[in-house]
């Protein structure tokens, strides 16, 4: 049993971090926090707008600040953005402040799940499949580095993935309460 104050989901876009995360949070009585939504709330701008006006580097700085603040809390399931693992400090905080679950998905499944999605700035290109492959090459080792547990979501509906993850977590993770 691996105790940690938070449950953290990492993985590429389209892996199910939000849809599965909300269900798992409910099952464990955790507050669900979407890190990208927290960035939007803090900055008052959409992710696409932040990328447009600040570039990826500017967005990553805001992501880092928000993630640090979120992980200081406890009793929550934090769904991270797909690129949150790119920063070494983010990875360190995740390992220190949570039990990290890597939701794995293939590029082929990502393409099916994302369809013609327009709210992911890094995918607003004609060569989406190549972009996803390139991101996987860079990010896959980082997801593995931080993960306490990996669940392949290919071929699983969100309810099926939730059931499988809930069962695995019941035997591997124990939420710990922290004194205020």
C-alpha atoms as a PDB file:
ATOM      1  CA  UNK A   1       0.000   0.000   0.000  1.00  0.00           C
ATOM      2  CA  UNK A   2       1.450   3.329  -1.060  1.00  0.00           C
ATOM      3  CA  UNK A   3       0.016   6.259   0.946  1.00  0.00           C
ATOM      4  CA  UNK A   4      -0.088   9.729  -0.629  1.00  0.00           C
ATOM      5  CA  UNK A   5      -2.157  12.893  -0.040  1.00  0.00           C
ATOM      6  CA  UNK A   6      -3.359  13.172  -3.652  1.00  0.00           C
ATOM      7  CA  UNK A   7      -4.137  10.991  -6.626  1.00  0.00           C
ATOM      8  CA  UNK A   8      -2.619  12.369  -9.839  1.00  0.00           C
ATOM      9  CA  UNK A   9      -3.434  11.352 -13.408  1.00  0.00           C
ATOM     10  CA  UNK A  10      -0.878  11.841 -16.161  1.00  0.00           C
ATOM     11  CA  UNK A  11      -0.952  10.823 -19.795  1.00  0.00           C
ATOM     12  CA  UNK A  12      -1.400  12.170 -23.285  1.00  0.00           C
ATOM     13  CA  UNK A  13      -4.369  14.099 -24.514  1.00  0.00           C
ATOM     14  CA  UNK A  14      -7.270  11.760 -25.185  1.00  0.00           C
ATOM     15  CA  UNK A  15      -6.194   9.161 -22.595  1.00  0.00           C
ATOM     16  CA  UNK A  16      -9.275   9.819 -20.444  1.00  0.00           C
ATOM     17  CA  UNK A  17      -7.763  11.829 -17.598  1.00  0.00           C
ATOM     18  CA  UNK A  18     -10.859  13.997 -17.207  1.00  0.00           C
ATOM     19  CA  UNK A  19     -13.631  11.477 -17.924  1.00  0.00           C
ATOM     20  CA  UNK A  20     -12.040   8.697 -15.884  1.00  0.00           C
ATOM     21  CA  UNK A  21     -10.695  11.119 -13.276  1.00  0.00           C
ATOM     22  CA  UNK A  22     -14.110  12.530 -12.390  1.00  0.00           C
ATOM     23  CA  UNK A  23     -15.519   9.043 -11.860  1.00  0.00           C
ATOM     24  CA  UNK A  24     -12.546   7.815  -9.802  1.00  0.00           C
ATOM     25  CA  UNK A  25     -12.615  10.963  -7.655  1.00  0.00           C
ATOM     26  CA  UNK A  26     -16.280  10.342  -6.886  1.00  0.00           C
ATOM     27  CA  UNK A  27     -15.619   6.705  -5.948  1.00  0.00           C
ATOM     28  CA  UNK A  28     -12.864   7.685  -3.508  1.00  0.00           C
ATOM     29  CA  UNK A  29     -14.555  10.821  -2.152  1.00  0.00           C
ATOM     30  CA  UNK A  30     -11.866  13.112  -3.567  1.00  0.00           C
ATOM     31  CA  UNK A  31     -12.218  16.607  -4.977  1.00  0.00           C
ATOM     32  CA  UNK A  32     -11.681  16.476  -8.754  1.00  0.00           C
ATOM     33  CA  UNK A  33      -9.331  19.178 -10.049  1.00  0.00           C
ATOM     34  CA  UNK A  34      -8.526  19.633 -13.726  1.00  0.00           C
ATOM     35  CA  UNK A  35      -5.163  21.449 -13.827  1.00  0.00           C
ATOM     36  CA  UNK A  36      -5.882  23.011 -17.239  1.00  0.00           C
ATOM     37  CA  UNK A  37      -9.223  24.337 -15.977  1.00  0.00           C
ATOM     38  CA  UNK A  38      -7.449  25.756 -12.906  1.00  0.00           C
ATOM     39  CA  UNK A  39      -5.047  27.588 -15.247  1.00  0.00           C
ATOM     40  CA  UNK A  40      -7.989  29.036 -17.176  1.00  0.00           C
ATOM     41  CA  UNK A  41      -9.663  30.140 -13.942  1.00  0.00           C
ATOM     42  CA  UNK A  42      -6.491  31.707 -12.560  1.00  0.00           C
ATOM     43  CA  UNK A  43      -5.532  33.564 -15.750  1.00  0.00           C
ATOM     44  CA  UNK A  44      -8.984  34.359 -17.097  1.00  0.00           C
ATOM     45  CA  UNK A  45      -7.890  33.151 -20.537  1.00  0.00           C
ATOM     46  CA  UNK A  46      -8.383  29.941 -22.489  1.00  0.00           C
ATOM     47  CA  UNK A  47      -5.479  27.573 -23.021  1.00  0.00           C
ATOM     48  CA  UNK A  48      -5.544  28.444 -26.744  1.00  0.00           C
ATOM     49  CA  UNK A  49      -5.353  32.172 -25.934  1.00  0.00           C
ATOM     50  CA  UNK A  50      -2.457  31.620 -23.543  1.00  0.00           C
ATOM     51  CA  UNK A  51      -0.556  29.667 -26.218  1.00  0.00           C
ATOM     52  CA  UNK A  52      -1.341  32.338 -28.815  1.00  0.00           C
ATOM     53  CA  UNK A  53      -0.168  35.264 -26.680  1.00  0.00           C
ATOM     54  CA  UNK A  54       2.591  33.696 -24.582  1.00  0.00           C
ATOM     55  CA  UNK A  55       3.716  30.715 -26.589  1.00  0.00           C
ATOM     56  CA  UNK A  56       4.196  27.265 -25.161  1.00  0.00           C
ATOM     57  CA  UNK A  57       6.972  28.414 -22.802  1.00  0.00           C
ATOM     58  CA  UNK A  58       4.718  31.075 -21.237  1.00  0.00           C
ATOM     59  CA  UNK A  59       1.913  28.575 -20.856  1.00  0.00           C
ATOM     60  CA  UNK A  60       4.250  26.040 -19.222  1.00  0.00           C
ATOM     61  CA  UNK A  61       5.325  28.632 -16.625  1.00  0.00           C
ATOM     62  CA  UNK A  62       1.696  29.231 -15.652  1.00  0.00           C
ATOM     63  CA  UNK A  63       1.048  25.501 -15.648  1.00  0.00           C
ATOM     64  CA  UNK A  64       3.998  24.982 -13.302  1.00  0.00           C
ATOM     65  CA  UNK A  65       2.791  27.634 -10.840  1.00  0.00           C
ATOM     66  CA  UNK A  66      -0.762  26.271 -10.785  1.00  0.00           C
ATOM     67  CA  UNK A  67       0.356  22.664 -10.453  1.00  0.00           C
ATOM     68  CA  UNK A  68       2.640  23.557  -7.543  1.00  0.00           C
ATOM     69  CA  UNK A  69      -0.250  25.256  -5.742  1.00  0.00           C
ATOM     70  CA  UNK A  70      -2.643  22.382  -6.445  1.00  0.00           C
ATOM     71  CA  UNK A  71      -0.245  19.713  -5.234  1.00  0.00           C
ATOM     72  CA  UNK A  72       0.245  21.548  -1.946  1.00  0.00           C
ATOM     73  CA  UNK A  73      -3.313  20.436  -1.114  1.00  0.00           C
ATOM     74  CA  UNK A  74      -4.617  17.005  -0.232  1.00  0.00           C
ATOM     75  CA  UNK A  75      -7.685  14.831  -0.684  1.00  0.00           C
ATOM     76  CA  UNK A  76      -7.967  15.527  -4.372  1.00  0.00           C
ATOM     77  CA  UNK A  77      -7.594  13.861  -7.724  1.00  0.00           C
ATOM     78  CA  UNK A  78      -5.558  16.137  -9.989  1.00  0.00           C
ATOM     79  CA  UNK A  79      -5.907  15.603 -13.727  1.00  0.00           C
ATOM     80  CA  UNK A  80      -2.808  17.126 -15.328  1.00  0.00           C
ATOM     81  CA  UNK A  81      -2.328  18.466 -18.803  1.00  0.00           C
ATOM     82  CA  UNK A  82      -0.516  16.124 -21.184  1.00  0.00           C
ATOM     83  CA  UNK A  83       2.661  18.198 -21.126  1.00  0.00           C
ATOM     84  CA  UNK A  84       2.904  18.773 -17.375  1.00  0.00           C
ATOM     85  CA  UNK A  85       5.553  16.047 -17.141  1.00  0.00           C
ATOM     86  CA  UNK A  86       7.936  17.999 -19.381  1.00  0.00           C
ATOM     87  CA  UNK A  87       9.144  20.050 -16.394  1.00  0.00           C
ATOM     88  CA  UNK A  88      11.496  18.261 -13.974  1.00  0.00           C
ATOM     89  CA  UNK A  89      10.151  20.171 -10.950  1.00  0.00           C
ATOM     90  CA  UNK A  90       6.586  19.198 -11.862  1.00  0.00           C
ATOM     91  CA  UNK A  91       7.645  15.552 -11.972  1.00  0.00           C
ATOM     92  CA  UNK A  92       9.353  15.873  -8.585  1.00  0.00           C
ATOM     93  CA  UNK A  93       6.255  17.485  -7.007  1.00  0.00           C
ATOM     94  CA  UNK A  94       3.998  14.812  -8.471  1.00  0.00           C
ATOM     95  CA  UNK A  95       6.128  12.046  -6.966  1.00  0.00           C
ATOM     96  CA  UNK A  96       6.319  13.815  -3.596  1.00  0.00           C
ATOM     97  CA  UNK A  97       2.686  14.879  -3.319  1.00  0.00           C
ATOM     98  CA  UNK A  98       0.716  12.097  -4.935  1.00  0.00           C
ATOM     99  CA  UNK A  99       0.157   8.593  -6.116  1.00  0.00           C
ATOM    100  CA  UNK A 100       0.622   8.970  -9.863  1.00  0.00           C
ATOM    101  CA  UNK A 101      -1.385   6.984 -12.393  1.00  0.00           C
ATOM    102  CA  UNK A 102      -0.304   7.003 -16.026  1.00  0.00           C
ATOM    103  CA  UNK A 103      -3.280   6.518 -18.347  1.00  0.00           C
ATOM    104  CA  UNK A 104      -1.714   5.116 -21.496  1.00  0.00           C
ATOM    105  CA  UNK A 105      -3.305   5.324 -24.930  1.00  0.00           C
ATOM    106  CA  UNK A 106      -2.058   4.670 -28.469  1.00  0.00           C
ATOM    107  CA  UNK A 107      -1.752   7.406 -31.073  1.00  0.00           C
ATOM    108  CA  UNK A 108      -4.370   5.608 -33.165  1.00  0.00           C
ATOM    109  CA  UNK A 109      -6.839   5.670 -30.263  1.00  0.00           C
ATOM    110  CA  UNK A 110      -6.016   9.323 -29.586  1.00  0.00           C
ATOM    111  CA  UNK A 111      -6.868  10.235 -33.177  1.00  0.00           C
ATOM    112  CA  UNK A 112     -10.228   8.449 -32.903  1.00  0.00           C
ATOM    113  CA  UNK A 113     -11.062   9.967 -29.511  1.00  0.00           C
ATOM    114  CA  UNK A 114     -10.045  13.499 -30.417  1.00  0.00           C
ATOM    115  CA  UNK A 115     -11.812  13.599 -33.775  1.00  0.00           C
ATOM    116  CA  UNK A 116     -11.683  17.152 -35.044  1.00  0.00           C
ATOM    117  CA  UNK A 117     -11.056  18.644 -31.604  1.00  0.00           C
ATOM    118  CA  UNK A 118     -10.213  22.353 -31.825  1.00  0.00           C
ATOM    119  CA  UNK A 119      -9.356  23.247 -28.220  1.00  0.00           C
ATOM    120  CA  UNK A 120      -5.865  21.691 -28.087  1.00  0.00           C
ATOM    121  CA  UNK A 121      -3.378  24.235 -29.466  1.00  0.00           C
ATOM    122  CA  UNK A 122      -0.561  21.793 -30.198  1.00  0.00           C
ATOM    123  CA  UNK A 123      -2.882  19.761 -32.430  1.00  0.00           C
ATOM    124  CA  UNK A 124      -4.105  22.576 -34.648  1.00  0.00           C
ATOM    125  CA  UNK A 125      -2.033  21.383 -37.570  1.00  0.00           C
ATOM    126  CA  UNK A 126      -2.607  19.251 -40.649  1.00  0.00           C
ATOM    127  CA  UNK A 127      -0.081  16.637 -39.476  1.00  0.00           C
ATOM    128  CA  UNK A 128      -1.859  15.762 -36.220  1.00  0.00           C
ATOM    129  CA  UNK A 129      -0.830  12.134 -36.314  1.00  0.00           C
ATOM    130  CA  UNK A 130       2.852  13.059 -36.639  1.00  0.00           C
ATOM    131  CA  UNK A 131       2.527  15.623 -33.841  1.00  0.00           C
ATOM    132  CA  UNK A 132       1.004  12.956 -31.560  1.00  0.00           C
ATOM    133  CA  UNK A 133       3.769  10.487 -32.450  1.00  0.00           C
ATOM    134  CA  UNK A 134       6.447  13.114 -31.737  1.00  0.00           C
ATOM    135  CA  UNK A 135       4.849  14.013 -28.393  1.00  0.00           C
ATOM    136  CA  UNK A 136       4.656  10.326 -27.460  1.00  0.00           C
ATOM    137  CA  UNK A 137       8.375   9.836 -28.141  1.00  0.00           C
ATOM    138  CA  UNK A 138       9.245  12.751 -25.858  1.00  0.00           C
ATOM    139  CA  UNK A 139       6.645  12.265 -23.129  1.00  0.00           C
ATOM    140  CA  UNK A 140       6.239   8.469 -22.797  1.00  0.00           C
ATOM    141  CA  UNK A 141       9.493   8.016 -20.813  1.00  0.00           C
ATOM    142  CA  UNK A 142       8.494  10.906 -18.527  1.00  0.00           C
ATOM    143  CA  UNK A 143       5.046   9.439 -17.854  1.00  0.00           C
ATOM    144  CA  UNK A 144       6.717   6.144 -16.977  1.00  0.00           C
ATOM    145  CA  UNK A 145       9.237   7.927 -14.751  1.00  0.00           C
ATOM    146  CA  UNK A 146       6.577   9.470 -12.498  1.00  0.00           C
ATOM    147  CA  UNK A 147       4.026   6.650 -12.582  1.00  0.00           C
ATOM    148  CA  UNK A 148       3.291   4.483  -9.575  1.00  0.00           C
ATOM    149  CA  UNK A 149       0.722   2.628 -11.696  1.00  0.00           C
ATOM    150  CA  UNK A 150      -0.010   2.402 -15.443  1.00  0.00           C
ATOM    151  CA  UNK A 151      -3.388   1.621 -16.985  1.00  0.00           C
ATOM    152  CA  UNK A 152      -3.812   1.163 -20.730  1.00  0.00           C
ATOM    153  CA  UNK A 153      -7.150   2.741 -21.667  1.00  0.00           C
ATOM    154  CA  UNK A 154      -7.268   1.512 -25.281  1.00  0.00           C
ATOM    155  CA  UNK A 155     -10.428  -0.501 -25.866  1.00  0.00           C
ATOM    156  CA  UNK A 156     -11.968   0.537 -22.528  1.00  0.00           C
ATOM    157  CA  UNK A 157     -14.974   2.803 -22.134  1.00  0.00           C
ATOM    158  CA  UNK A 158     -14.671   5.397 -19.352  1.00  0.00           C
ATOM    159  CA  UNK A 159     -16.859   3.275 -17.015  1.00  0.00           C
ATOM    160  CA  UNK A 160     -14.765   0.158 -17.746  1.00  0.00           C
ATOM    161  CA  UNK A 161     -11.490   2.015 -17.219  1.00  0.00           C
ATOM    162  CA  UNK A 162     -12.887   3.523 -14.014  1.00  0.00           C
ATOM    163  CA  UNK A 163     -13.860   0.106 -12.662  1.00  0.00           C
ATOM    164  CA  UNK A 164     -10.455  -1.357 -13.481  1.00  0.00           C
ATOM    165  CA  UNK A 165      -8.546   1.611 -12.030  1.00  0.00           C
ATOM    166  CA  UNK A 166     -10.683   1.721  -8.890  1.00  0.00           C
ATOM    167  CA  UNK A 167     -10.005  -1.969  -8.281  1.00  0.00           C
ATOM    168  CA  UNK A 168      -6.243  -1.521  -8.766  1.00  0.00           C
ATOM    169  CA  UNK A 169      -6.107   1.556  -6.541  1.00  0.00           C
ATOM    170  CA  UNK A 170      -8.013  -0.149  -3.743  1.00  0.00           C
ATOM    171  CA  UNK A 171      -5.049  -2.503  -3.325  1.00  0.00           C
ATOM    172  CA  UNK A 172      -2.187  -0.089  -4.067  1.00  0.00           C
ATOM    173  CA  UNK A 173      -3.001   3.419  -2.851  1.00  0.00           C
ATOM    174  CA  UNK A 174      -4.111   4.768   0.468  1.00  0.00           C
ATOM    175  CA  UNK A 175      -5.157   8.413   0.810  1.00  0.00           C
ATOM    176  CA  UNK A 176      -3.497  10.098   3.772  1.00  0.00           C
ATOM    177  CA  UNK A 177      -4.959  12.980   5.693  1.00  0.00           C
ATOM    178  CA  UNK A 178      -2.710  15.895   6.466  1.00  0.00           C
ATOM    179  CA  UNK A 179      -3.101  18.216   9.399  1.00  0.00           C
ATOM    180  CA  UNK A 180      -3.999  21.748   8.389  1.00  0.00           C
END
